[in-house]
């Protein structure tokens, strides 16, 4: 949980090419195991259910188009929309 907070409080403002270097440092100083093998930015720590790292892909719901067909109501869920909605929440 602590690592998730560091990744998204300090690492969120980094440019994309700096993130791997940041992750490398975090992995070296981490005294706990259980970090995902993939990028820390591509995973979230599930505080509520599993208490483990899970891929953001698992949180993307299936797209359901609006029944009235209005363009302004269309929001296609992607990894990015789910990730940033979660972080803002």
PDB file of N, CA and C in Angstrom:
ATOM      1  N   UNK A   1       0.830  -1.180   0.000  1.00  0.00           N
ATOM      2  CA  UNK A   1       0.000   0.000   0.000  1.00  0.00           C
ATOM      3  C   UNK A   1       0.876   1.246   0.000  1.00  0.00           C
ATOM      4  N   UNK A   2       1.885   1.257   0.804  1.00  0.00           N
ATOM      5  CA  UNK A   2       2.803   2.385   0.886  1.00  0.00           C
ATOM      6  C   UNK A   2       3.471   2.637  -0.463  1.00  0.00           C
ATOM      7  N   UNK A   3       3.861   1.567  -1.135  1.00  0.00           N
ATOM      8  CA  UNK A   3       4.525   1.695  -2.432  1.00  0.00           C
ATOM      9  C   UNK A   3       3.568   2.289  -3.469  1.00  0.00           C
ATOM     10  N   UNK A   4       2.303   1.888  -3.456  1.00  0.00           N
ATOM     11  CA  UNK A   4       1.309   2.443  -4.367  1.00  0.00           C
ATOM     12  C   UNK A   4       1.193   3.955  -4.173  1.00  0.00           C
ATOM     13  N   UNK A   5       1.193   4.391  -2.934  1.00  0.00           N
ATOM     14  CA  UNK A   5       1.087   5.820  -2.629  1.00  0.00           C
ATOM     15  C   UNK A   5       2.319   6.588  -3.119  1.00  0.00           C
ATOM     16  N   UNK A   6       3.486   6.007  -2.971  1.00  0.00           N
ATOM     17  CA  UNK A   6       4.710   6.656  -3.457  1.00  0.00           C
ATOM     18  C   UNK A   6       4.691   6.753  -4.977  1.00  0.00           C
ATOM     19  N   UNK A   7       4.303   5.667  -5.630  1.00  0.00           N
ATOM     20  CA  UNK A   7       4.271   5.650  -7.095  1.00  0.00           C
ATOM     21  C   UNK A   7       3.382   6.770  -7.616  1.00  0.00           C
ATOM     22  N   UNK A   8       2.183   6.919  -7.042  1.00  0.00           N
ATOM     23  CA  UNK A   8       1.236   7.881  -7.599  1.00  0.00           C
ATOM     24  C   UNK A   8       1.323   9.266  -6.979  1.00  0.00           C
ATOM     25  N   UNK A   9       2.016   9.448  -5.889  1.00  0.00           N
ATOM     26  CA  UNK A   9       2.198  10.802  -5.362  1.00  0.00           C
ATOM     27  C   UNK A   9       3.464  11.434  -5.923  1.00  0.00           C
ATOM     28  N   UNK A  10       4.562  10.711  -5.933  1.00  0.00           N
ATOM     29  CA  UNK A  10       5.824  11.237  -6.446  1.00  0.00           C
ATOM     30  C   UNK A  10       6.039  10.916  -7.917  1.00  0.00           C
ATOM     31  N   UNK A  11       5.678   9.719  -8.326  1.00  0.00           N
ATOM     32  CA  UNK A  11       5.968   9.277  -9.684  1.00  0.00           C
ATOM     33  C   UNK A  11       5.000   9.744 -10.743  1.00  0.00           C
ATOM     34  N   UNK A  12       3.811  10.172 -10.347  1.00  0.00           N
ATOM     35  CA  UNK A  12       2.805  10.563 -11.338  1.00  0.00           C
ATOM     36  C   UNK A  12       3.223  11.773 -12.158  1.00  0.00           C
ATOM     37  N   UNK A  13       4.030  12.628 -11.603  1.00  0.00           N
ATOM     38  CA  UNK A  13       4.427  13.849 -12.313  1.00  0.00           C
ATOM     39  C   UNK A  13       5.645  13.642 -13.221  1.00  0.00           C
ATOM     40  N   UNK A  14       6.220  12.450 -13.206  1.00  0.00           N
ATOM     41  CA  UNK A  14       7.396  12.179 -14.031  1.00  0.00           C
ATOM     42  C   UNK A  14       7.037  12.035 -15.499  1.00  0.00           C
ATOM     43  N   UNK A  15       7.974  12.368 -16.349  1.00  0.00           N
ATOM     44  CA  UNK A  15       7.791  12.099 -17.769  1.00  0.00           C
ATOM     45  C   UNK A  15       7.906  10.592 -17.984  1.00  0.00           C
ATOM     46  N   UNK A  16       7.278  10.103 -19.051  1.00  0.00           N
ATOM     47  CA  UNK A  16       7.222   8.659 -19.288  1.00  0.00           C
ATOM     48  C   UNK A  16       8.591   8.003 -19.345  1.00  0.00           C
ATOM     49  N   UNK A  17       9.587   8.669 -19.908  1.00  0.00           N
ATOM     50  CA  UNK A  17      10.911   8.054 -20.009  1.00  0.00           C
ATOM     51  C   UNK A  17      11.653   8.014 -18.678  1.00  0.00           C
ATOM     52  N   UNK A  18      11.184   8.754 -17.677  1.00  0.00           N
ATOM     53  CA  UNK A  18      11.810   8.742 -16.351  1.00  0.00           C
ATOM     54  C   UNK A  18      11.203   7.692 -15.423  1.00  0.00           C
ATOM     55  N   UNK A  19      10.037   7.212 -15.746  1.00  0.00           N
ATOM     56  CA  UNK A  19       9.345   6.271 -14.862  1.00  0.00           C
ATOM     57  C   UNK A  19      10.113   4.970 -14.631  1.00  0.00           C
ATOM     58  N   UNK A  20      10.725   4.354 -15.647  1.00  0.00           N
ATOM     59  CA  UNK A  20      11.479   3.125 -15.386  1.00  0.00           C
ATOM     60  C   UNK A  20      12.639   3.338 -14.398  1.00  0.00           C
ATOM     61  N   UNK A  21      13.311   4.466 -14.478  1.00  0.00           N
ATOM     62  CA  UNK A  21      14.394   4.763 -13.540  1.00  0.00           C
ATOM     63  C   UNK A  21      13.850   4.904 -12.124  1.00  0.00           C
ATOM     64  N   UNK A  22      12.728   5.577 -12.002  1.00  0.00           N
ATOM     65  CA  UNK A  22      12.073   5.755 -10.702  1.00  0.00           C
ATOM     66  C   UNK A  22      11.673   4.404 -10.116  1.00  0.00           C
ATOM     67  N   UNK A  23      11.095   3.552 -10.954  1.00  0.00           N
ATOM     68  CA  UNK A  23      10.705   2.215 -10.499  1.00  0.00           C
ATOM     69  C   UNK A  23      11.907   1.396 -10.050  1.00  0.00           C
ATOM     70  N   UNK A  24      12.980   1.505 -10.776  1.00  0.00           N
ATOM     71  CA  UNK A  24      14.198   0.775 -10.420  1.00  0.00           C
ATOM     72  C   UNK A  24      14.663   1.154  -9.024  1.00  0.00           C
ATOM     73  N   UNK A  25      14.652   2.427  -8.720  1.00  0.00           N
ATOM     74  CA  UNK A  25      15.049   2.893  -7.384  1.00  0.00           C
ATOM     75  C   UNK A  25      14.074   2.370  -6.333  1.00  0.00           C
ATOM     76  N   UNK A  26      12.791   2.448  -6.608  1.00  0.00           N
ATOM     77  CA  UNK A  26      11.793   1.960  -5.645  1.00  0.00           C
ATOM     78  C   UNK A  26      11.949   0.466  -5.374  1.00  0.00           C
ATOM     79  N   UNK A  27      12.213  -0.294  -6.407  1.00  0.00           N
ATOM     80  CA  UNK A  27      12.384  -1.744  -6.231  1.00  0.00           C
ATOM     81  C   UNK A  27      13.644  -2.050  -5.417  1.00  0.00           C
ATOM     82  N   UNK A  28      14.697  -1.243  -5.608  1.00  0.00           N
ATOM     83  CA  UNK A  28      15.934  -1.469  -4.855  1.00  0.00           C
ATOM     84  C   UNK A  28      15.761  -1.147  -3.375  1.00  0.00           C
ATOM     85  N   UNK A  29      15.029  -0.080  -3.058  1.00  0.00           N
ATOM     86  CA  UNK A  29      14.888   0.329  -1.653  1.00  0.00           C
ATOM     87  C   UNK A  29      13.723  -0.350  -0.947  1.00  0.00           C
ATOM     88  N   UNK A  30      12.886  -1.034  -1.706  1.00  0.00           N
ATOM     89  CA  UNK A  30      11.739  -1.709  -1.100  1.00  0.00           C
ATOM     90  C   UNK A  30      12.216  -2.869  -0.229  1.00  0.00           C
ATOM     91  N   UNK A  31      11.729  -2.899   0.980  1.00  0.00           N
ATOM     92  CA  UNK A  31      12.106  -3.983   1.890  1.00  0.00           C
ATOM     93  C   UNK A  31      11.055  -5.097   1.892  1.00  0.00           C
ATOM     94  N   UNK A  32      10.016  -4.917   1.113  1.00  0.00           N
ATOM     95  CA  UNK A  32       8.954  -5.921   1.045  1.00  0.00           C
ATOM     96  C   UNK A  32       8.919  -6.571  -0.315  1.00  0.00           C
ATOM     97  N   UNK A  33       8.564  -7.810  -0.345  1.00  0.00           N
ATOM     98  CA  UNK A  33       8.362  -8.509  -1.608  1.00  0.00           C
ATOM     99  C   UNK A  33       6.943  -8.271  -2.081  1.00  0.00           C
ATOM    100  N   UNK A  34       6.541  -9.016  -3.055  1.00  0.00           N
ATOM    101  CA  UNK A  34       5.168  -8.934  -3.515  1.00  0.00           C
ATOM    102  C   UNK A  34       4.892  -7.847  -4.535  1.00  0.00           C
ATOM    103  N   UNK A  35       5.932  -7.167  -5.011  1.00  0.00           N
ATOM    104  CA  UNK A  35       5.722  -6.172  -6.049  1.00  0.00           C
ATOM    105  C   UNK A  35       5.478  -6.884  -7.372  1.00  0.00           C
ATOM    106  N   UNK A  36       4.668  -6.295  -8.241  1.00  0.00           N
ATOM    107  CA  UNK A  36       4.394  -6.960  -9.525  1.00  0.00           C
ATOM    108  C   UNK A  36       5.633  -7.009 -10.402  1.00  0.00           C
ATOM    109  N   UNK A  37       5.696  -8.005 -11.255  1.00  0.00           N
ATOM    110  CA  UNK A  37       6.823  -8.132 -12.174  1.00  0.00           C
ATOM    111  C   UNK A  37       6.745  -7.077 -13.273  1.00  0.00           C
ATOM    112  N   UNK A  38       5.536  -6.639 -13.596  1.00  0.00           N
ATOM    113  CA  UNK A  38       5.355  -5.589 -14.600  1.00  0.00           C
ATOM    114  C   UNK A  38       5.460  -4.224 -13.930  1.00  0.00           C
ATOM    115  N   UNK A  39       5.321  -3.183 -14.712  1.00  0.00           N
ATOM    116  CA  UNK A  39       5.475  -1.823 -14.213  1.00  0.00           C
ATOM    117  C   UNK A  39       4.528  -1.512 -13.054  1.00  0.00           C
ATOM    118  N   UNK A  40       5.030  -0.795 -12.076  1.00  0.00           N
ATOM    119  CA  UNK A  40       4.197  -0.368 -10.950  1.00  0.00           C
ATOM    120  C   UNK A  40       3.108   0.591 -11.418  1.00  0.00           C
ATOM    121  N   UNK A  41       3.363   1.302 -12.509  1.00  0.00           N
ATOM    122  CA  UNK A  41       2.380   2.230 -13.055  1.00  0.00           C
ATOM    123  C   UNK A  41       1.264   1.500 -13.804  1.00  0.00           C
ATOM    124  N   UNK A  42       1.493   0.257 -14.180  1.00  0.00           N
ATOM    125  CA  UNK A  42       0.494  -0.534 -14.890  1.00  0.00           C
ATOM    126  C   UNK A  42      -0.339  -1.386 -13.945  1.00  0.00           C
ATOM    127  N   UNK A  43      -0.126  -1.223 -12.647  1.00  0.00           N
ATOM    128  CA  UNK A  43      -0.831  -2.012 -11.636  1.00  0.00           C
ATOM    129  C   UNK A  43      -1.321  -1.103 -10.522  1.00  0.00           C
ATOM    130  N   UNK A  44      -2.314  -1.568  -9.799  1.00  0.00           N
ATOM    131  CA  UNK A  44      -2.776  -0.854  -8.612  1.00  0.00           C
ATOM    132  C   UNK A  44      -2.813  -1.839  -7.457  1.00  0.00           C
ATOM    133  N   UNK A  45      -2.729  -1.295  -6.255  1.00  0.00           N
ATOM    134  CA  UNK A  45      -2.810  -2.156  -5.083  1.00  0.00           C
ATOM    135  C   UNK A  45      -4.261  -2.207  -4.650  1.00  0.00           C
ATOM    136  N   UNK A  46      -4.845  -3.390  -4.669  1.00  0.00           N
ATOM    137  CA  UNK A  46      -6.248  -3.570  -4.303  1.00  0.00           C
ATOM    138  C   UNK A  46      -6.364  -3.576  -2.784  1.00  0.00           C
ATOM    139  N   UNK A  47      -6.693  -2.418  -2.220  1.00  0.00           N
ATOM    140  CA  UNK A  47      -6.795  -2.257  -0.769  1.00  0.00           C
ATOM    141  C   UNK A  47      -8.004  -2.992  -0.197  1.00  0.00           C
ATOM    142  N   UNK A  48      -9.065  -3.121  -0.989  1.00  0.00           N
ATOM    143  CA  UNK A  48     -10.345  -3.568  -0.479  1.00  0.00           C
ATOM    144  C   UNK A  48     -10.547  -5.077  -0.500  1.00  0.00           C
ATOM    145  N   UNK A  49     -10.215  -5.706  -1.613  1.00  0.00           N
ATOM    146  CA  UNK A  49     -10.563  -7.119  -1.737  1.00  0.00           C
ATOM    147  C   UNK A  49      -9.374  -8.056  -1.551  1.00  0.00           C
ATOM    148  N   UNK A  50      -8.461  -8.048  -2.509  1.00  0.00           N
ATOM    149  CA  UNK A  50      -7.406  -9.063  -2.531  1.00  0.00           C
ATOM    150  C   UNK A  50      -6.164  -8.704  -1.732  1.00  0.00           C
ATOM    151  N   UNK A  51      -5.980  -7.413  -1.430  1.00  0.00           N
ATOM    152  CA  UNK A  51      -4.775  -6.948  -0.723  1.00  0.00           C
ATOM    153  C   UNK A  51      -3.517  -7.378  -1.472  1.00  0.00           C
ATOM    154  N   UNK A  52      -3.540  -7.135  -2.790  1.00  0.00           N
ATOM    155  CA  UNK A  52      -2.386  -7.466  -3.628  1.00  0.00           C
ATOM    156  C   UNK A  52      -2.390  -6.553  -4.853  1.00  0.00           C
ATOM    157  N   UNK A  53      -1.304  -6.591  -5.615  1.00  0.00           N
ATOM    158  CA  UNK A  53      -1.191  -5.808  -6.842  1.00  0.00           C
ATOM    159  C   UNK A  53      -1.988  -6.474  -7.951  1.00  0.00           C
ATOM    160  N   UNK A  54      -2.753  -5.670  -8.684  1.00  0.00           N
ATOM    161  CA  UNK A  54      -3.596  -6.155  -9.764  1.00  0.00           C
ATOM    162  C   UNK A  54      -3.408  -5.224 -10.964  1.00  0.00           C
ATOM    163  N   UNK A  55      -3.442  -5.785 -12.156  1.00  0.00           N
ATOM    164  CA  UNK A  55      -3.306  -4.994 -13.368  1.00  0.00           C
ATOM    165  C   UNK A  55      -4.515  -4.071 -13.538  1.00  0.00           C
ATOM    166  N   UNK A  56      -4.258  -2.845 -13.998  1.00  0.00           N
ATOM    167  CA  UNK A  56      -5.356  -1.907 -14.267  1.00  0.00           C
ATOM    168  C   UNK A  56      -6.311  -2.491 -15.294  1.00  0.00           C
ATOM    169  N   UNK A  57      -5.824  -3.356 -16.175  1.00  0.00           N
ATOM    170  CA  UNK A  57      -6.684  -3.990 -17.184  1.00  0.00           C
ATOM    171  C   UNK A  57      -7.874  -4.703 -16.551  1.00  0.00           C
ATOM    172  N   UNK A  58      -7.681  -5.231 -15.360  1.00  0.00           N
ATOM    173  CA  UNK A  58      -8.735  -6.004 -14.688  1.00  0.00           C
ATOM    174  C   UNK A  58      -9.887  -5.121 -14.209  1.00  0.00           C
ATOM    175  N   UNK A  59      -9.653  -3.813 -14.079  1.00  0.00           N
ATOM    176  CA  UNK A  59     -10.689  -2.886 -13.601  1.00  0.00           C
ATOM    177  C   UNK A  59     -11.488  -2.233 -14.723  1.00  0.00           C
ATOM    178  N   UNK A  60     -11.077  -2.438 -15.965  1.00  0.00           N
ATOM    179  CA  UNK A  60     -11.780  -1.791 -17.081  1.00  0.00           C
ATOM    180  C   UNK A  60     -13.093  -2.529 -17.345  1.00  0.00           C
ATOM    181  N   UNK A  61     -14.225  -1.840 -17.167  1.00  0.00           N
ATOM    182  CA  UNK A  61     -15.508  -2.502 -17.411  1.00  0.00           C
ATOM    183  C   UNK A  61     -15.791  -2.631 -18.902  1.00  0.00           C
ATOM    184  N   UNK A  62     -16.700  -3.497 -19.231  1.00  0.00           N
ATOM    185  CA  UNK A  62     -17.101  -3.659 -20.622  1.00  0.00           C
ATOM    186  C   UNK A  62     -17.867  -2.408 -21.064  1.00  0.00           C
ATOM    187  N   UNK A  63     -17.633  -1.982 -22.290  1.00  0.00           N
ATOM    188  CA  UNK A  63     -18.296  -0.788 -22.809  1.00  0.00           C
ATOM    189  C   UNK A  63     -19.760  -1.081 -23.101  1.00  0.00           C
ATOM    190  N   UNK A  64     -20.620  -0.209 -22.601  1.00  0.00           N
ATOM    191  CA  UNK A  64     -22.052  -0.278 -22.891  1.00  0.00           C
ATOM    192  C   UNK A  64     -22.431   1.071 -23.490  1.00  0.00           C
ATOM    193  N   UNK A  65     -22.889   1.058 -24.723  1.00  0.00           N
ATOM    194  CA  UNK A  65     -23.215   2.325 -25.377  1.00  0.00           C
ATOM    195  C   UNK A  65     -24.509   2.909 -24.813  1.00  0.00           C
ATOM    196  N   UNK A  66     -24.611   4.252 -24.804  1.00  0.00           N
ATOM    197  CA  UNK A  66     -25.827   4.877 -24.289  1.00  0.00           C
ATOM    198  C   UNK A  66     -27.033   4.536 -25.168  1.00  0.00           C
ATOM    199  N   UNK A  67     -28.132   4.247 -24.539  1.00  0.00           N
ATOM    200  CA  UNK A  67     -29.321   3.807 -25.280  1.00  0.00           C
ATOM    201  C   UNK A  67     -29.918   4.917 -26.128  1.00  0.00           C
ATOM    202  N   UNK A  68     -29.760   6.171 -25.715  1.00  0.00           N
ATOM    203  CA  UNK A  68     -30.331   7.264 -26.511  1.00  0.00           C
ATOM    204  C   UNK A  68     -29.431   7.662 -27.685  1.00  0.00           C
ATOM    205  N   UNK A  69     -28.208   7.128 -27.719  1.00  0.00           N
ATOM    206  CA  UNK A  69     -27.312   7.367 -28.833  1.00  0.00           C
ATOM    207  C   UNK A  69     -26.697   8.755 -28.901  1.00  0.00           C
ATOM    208  N   UNK A  70     -26.810   9.537 -27.836  1.00  0.00           N
ATOM    209  CA  UNK A  70     -26.246  10.888 -27.846  1.00  0.00           C
ATOM    210  C   UNK A  70     -24.720  10.811 -27.729  1.00  0.00           C
ATOM    211  N   UNK A  71     -24.067  11.497 -28.648  1.00  0.00           N
ATOM    212  CA  UNK A  71     -22.612  11.487 -28.699  1.00  0.00           C
ATOM    213  C   UNK A  71     -21.993  12.002 -27.400  1.00  0.00           C
ATOM    214  N   UNK A  72     -22.599  13.007 -26.805  1.00  0.00           N
ATOM    215  CA  UNK A  72     -22.041  13.635 -25.607  1.00  0.00           C
ATOM    216  C   UNK A  72     -22.027  12.670 -24.406  1.00  0.00           C
ATOM    217  N   UNK A  73     -22.808  11.620 -24.449  1.00  0.00           N
ATOM    218  CA  UNK A  73     -22.871  10.656 -23.343  1.00  0.00           C
ATOM    219  C   UNK A  73     -21.915   9.475 -23.522  1.00  0.00           C
ATOM    220  N   UNK A  74     -21.190   9.455 -24.618  1.00  0.00           N
ATOM    221  CA  UNK A  74     -20.293   8.340 -24.895  1.00  0.00           C
ATOM    222  C   UNK A  74     -18.978   8.524 -24.146  1.00  0.00           C
ATOM    223  N   UNK A  75     -18.637   7.565 -23.334  1.00  0.00           N
ATOM    224  CA  UNK A  75     -17.338   7.508 -22.674  1.00  0.00           C
ATOM    225  C   UNK A  75     -16.888   6.046 -22.716  1.00  0.00           C
ATOM    226  N   UNK A  76     -15.916   5.789 -23.543  1.00  0.00           N
ATOM    227  CA  UNK A  76     -15.408   4.426 -23.683  1.00  0.00           C
ATOM    228  C   UNK A  76     -14.375   4.195 -22.585  1.00  0.00           C
ATOM    229  N   UNK A  77     -14.627   3.243 -21.689  1.00  0.00           N
ATOM    230  CA  UNK A  77     -13.659   2.999 -20.615  1.00  0.00           C
ATOM    231  C   UNK A  77     -12.370   2.381 -21.157  1.00  0.00           C
ATOM    232  N   UNK A  78     -11.260   2.971 -20.780  1.00  0.00           N
ATOM    233  CA  UNK A  78      -9.939   2.460 -21.138  1.00  0.00           C
ATOM    234  C   UNK A  78      -9.128   2.342 -19.859  1.00  0.00           C
ATOM    235  N   UNK A  79      -7.960   1.790 -19.968  1.00  0.00           N
ATOM    236  CA  UNK A  79      -7.082   1.699 -18.804  1.00  0.00           C
ATOM    237  C   UNK A  79      -6.832   3.096 -18.236  1.00  0.00           C
ATOM    238  N   UNK A  80      -6.591   4.060 -19.114  1.00  0.00           N
ATOM    239  CA  UNK A  80      -6.301   5.415 -18.643  1.00  0.00           C
ATOM    240  C   UNK A  80      -7.496   6.078 -17.966  1.00  0.00           C
ATOM    241  N   UNK A  81      -8.698   5.953 -18.541  1.00  0.00           N
ATOM    242  CA  UNK A  81      -9.858   6.576 -17.900  1.00  0.00           C
ATOM    243  C   UNK A  81     -10.159   5.930 -16.551  1.00  0.00           C
ATOM    244  N   UNK A  82     -10.004   4.624 -16.468  1.00  0.00           N
ATOM    245  CA  UNK A  82     -10.238   3.927 -15.197  1.00  0.00           C
ATOM    246  C   UNK A  82      -9.170   4.303 -14.172  1.00  0.00           C
ATOM    247  N   UNK A  83      -7.925   4.325 -14.593  1.00  0.00           N
ATOM    248  CA  UNK A  83      -6.813   4.642 -13.686  1.00  0.00           C
ATOM    249  C   UNK A  83      -6.966   6.041 -13.095  1.00  0.00           C
ATOM    250  N   UNK A  84      -7.189   7.037 -13.938  1.00  0.00           N
ATOM    251  CA  UNK A  84      -7.259   8.409 -13.446  1.00  0.00           C
ATOM    252  C   UNK A  84      -8.532   8.691 -12.689  1.00  0.00           C
ATOM    253  N   UNK A  85      -9.624   8.050 -13.039  1.00  0.00           N
ATOM    254  CA  UNK A  85     -10.856   8.172 -12.245  1.00  0.00           C
ATOM    255  C   UNK A  85     -10.650   7.599 -10.854  1.00  0.00           C
ATOM    256  N   UNK A  86      -9.973   6.462 -10.779  1.00  0.00           N
ATOM    257  CA  UNK A  86      -9.678   5.829  -9.493  1.00  0.00           C
ATOM    258  C   UNK A  86      -8.795   6.728  -8.635  1.00  0.00           C
ATOM    259  N   UNK A  87      -7.752   7.268  -9.240  1.00  0.00           N
ATOM    260  CA  UNK A  87      -6.822   8.109  -8.493  1.00  0.00           C
ATOM    261  C   UNK A  87      -7.470   9.412  -8.035  1.00  0.00           C
ATOM    262  N   UNK A  88      -8.319   9.974  -8.853  1.00  0.00           N
ATOM    263  CA  UNK A  88      -9.019  11.200  -8.459  1.00  0.00           C
ATOM    264  C   UNK A  88     -10.064  10.939  -7.388  1.00  0.00           C
ATOM    265  N   UNK A  89     -10.610   9.731  -7.380  1.00  0.00           N
ATOM    266  CA  UNK A  89     -11.620   9.380  -6.379  1.00  0.00           C
ATOM    267  C   UNK A  89     -11.001   9.195  -5.038  1.00  0.00           C
TER     268      UNK A  89
END
